[in-house]
């Protein structure tokens, strides 16, 4: 009986995860866009540090 209960609980958790899959994918894509924006900002920041003469008078 305990084994049957575990099988049903496992199946239930699988169905629950399948239901949450679209949300998980959307969250991963959103985080990827955020990371890309952070990376672009960091590239610009490092370029300003390495080449300050290119950016004189622009701030």
Protein backbone atom coordinates (compact mmCIF):
# COMPACT_ATOMS: atom_id res chain seq x y z
CA UNK A 1 0.00 0.00 0.00
CA UNK A 2 2.85 2.39 0.83
CA UNK A 3 4.43 1.72 -2.56
CA UNK A 4 1.20 2.50 -4.37
CA UNK A 5 0.88 5.75 -2.42
CA UNK A 6 4.41 6.77 -3.45
CA UNK A 7 3.68 5.98 -7.09
CA UNK A 8 0.58 8.17 -7.04
CA UNK A 9 2.41 11.00 -5.25
CA UNK A 10 5.24 10.83 -7.78
CA UNK A 11 2.75 10.89 -10.65
CA UNK A 12 0.97 13.86 -9.05
CA UNK A 13 4.24 15.78 -8.71
CA UNK A 14 5.06 15.04 -12.34
CA UNK A 15 1.70 16.40 -13.49
CA UNK A 16 2.20 19.47 -11.31
CA UNK A 17 5.61 20.14 -12.87
CA UNK A 18 4.21 19.70 -16.37
CA UNK A 19 1.56 22.29 -15.53
CA UNK A 20 4.20 24.73 -14.33
CA UNK A 21 6.43 24.23 -17.37
CA UNK A 22 5.19 27.30 -19.30
CA UNK A 23 5.78 29.54 -16.28
CA UNK A 24 9.24 28.06 -15.77
CA UNK A 25 10.16 28.65 -19.40
CA UNK A 26 8.84 32.22 -19.31
CA UNK A 27 10.82 32.96 -16.14
CA UNK A 28 14.00 31.52 -17.68
CA UNK A 29 13.58 33.64 -20.81
CA UNK A 30 12.94 36.76 -18.73
CA UNK A 31 16.06 36.11 -16.66
CA UNK A 32 18.07 35.56 -19.84
CA UNK A 33 16.94 38.96 -21.18
CA UNK A 34 17.83 40.61 -17.86
CA UNK A 35 21.27 38.99 -17.91
CA UNK A 36 21.85 40.19 -21.48
CA UNK A 37 20.98 43.74 -20.41
CA UNK A 38 23.32 43.49 -17.42
CA UNK A 39 26.11 42.18 -19.64
CA UNK A 40 25.65 45.04 -22.11
CA UNK A 41 25.77 47.56 -19.27
CA UNK A 42 28.91 45.93 -17.87
CA UNK A 43 30.62 45.99 -21.29
CA UNK A 44 29.86 49.70 -21.60
CA UNK A 45 31.08 50.38 -18.06
CA UNK A 46 34.35 48.53 -18.64
CA UNK A 47 34.86 50.31 -21.95
CA UNK A 48 34.43 53.65 -20.20
CA UNK A 49 37.03 52.63 -17.63
CA UNK A 50 39.51 51.36 -20.21
CA UNK A 51 39.02 54.20 -22.73
CA UNK A 52 37.99 57.35 -20.87
CA UNK A 53 39.08 59.61 -23.73
CA UNK A 54 36.30 58.22 -25.96
CA UNK A 55 33.69 59.36 -23.45
CA UNK A 56 34.97 62.78 -22.38
CA UNK A 57 32.22 65.33 -22.09
CA UNK A 58 29.38 62.86 -22.67
CA UNK A 59 28.32 62.48 -19.03
